[in-house]
């Protein structure tokens, strides 16, 4: 649905005001107007990071700690140490989606690291040290053979309200009705949770996580990257690898550090990006995937926030490639930076997504939308260098 123009001509700052709600002493932001007036941890933490908004980040992290999981609940997906997905929650398939996310706990830890580097406030992490430790416990509980896995059995259930609890919540290609065969290891979630343990090292000043991080890195290289093709798979579930190409592959650059993978792996990610290119950025799924997976969301969409994350990731890895004299990588990463930044020309309004429809580009969904506001502010303010410096380990 394309909403009326009076919902689509707000400035980014006006959009933020429309999405802001008061929760006790906290200023919390909803994802989008008018149909997503709920707080999403994923949207809020990543948006605050993109805008370098330490106040938004601080209040969101405080809410996350307040609502951190304490028990196992098959109805909501709650687990000890787990950070919620959405508040207030929605009911789907007879269940609640409140804790239906396997990346929010990682973002909670990464968000704490970014907040401390932005603010120089070391006392905030001390205040929530117990929550940080519990978040680390959640991640370690989900490691099987050093693969970060998702499975409703962790909360005592057989399925979640949402079919997919990672990234776009859009569904898994190559699987009936878009639902995985559990247990599943989503490549992006594995990378995010691996990166989160580095944040925990920083926050807790505890170097004991090193061996676990190295083992997760080994699993990434030896299993999630195909030994035959070198391509990063979307996931591995009970039926084997999911080989479809999605923007998750490019999003991974935001969370990966220089020493996590080799130049050959970066080259593989660059090669995968070609089938996702459009005139306004990178599409969520390849055309081939879209033609065979009608049950998934965002099949023919370009999501603005993803372009910002991809842009930062490409810039970060281009820096070390330039120092190493790897000209082929530098050229490929520069192209990714250019393609991902082309979205900004379309952000006259601040909608949830752009849909590619037989040569036409249409906006769809909420407008204003928090992640798109953050994307607009990121590109307009040229924040890439500051963000790369903060995110680099």
Foldseek 3Di string as FASTA:
>chain_A
DDDDCVLFQDALVRQQVVQWDDDPPATAGFFFPPPTSKGFLVLQLLLCLLLVPLRSLLRSLVVQLVPQADAQDLQALGDWLQGFGIPPWDAAPNGTPGRLALQSLLSSLVSVLSSCVSPVDLVSCVVSVVSNVRSLVVQVVQADQLFRWDASVNSPYHAYRQQHRYDPSWAAFPDVLRHFAPTKGFLLSLLSNLLSVVSSCVSVVDPPCVVSSVSSLVCQQPPQQDPVQRARFRMQHPVGTRRFQFLSLLLSLLRDAPPSDDPSNLVNSLVSQPQQFDQQAGQGGGVVRCVRCVSTPSSQKDFLLSLSSSLLSLVLNLVVCVVVVVVVSVVSSVVNNVRSLSNLVVPSWAAGIWGCDPNDIDGDHGTNGSSSSSSNSSSVVVCSVVSSVSSHD
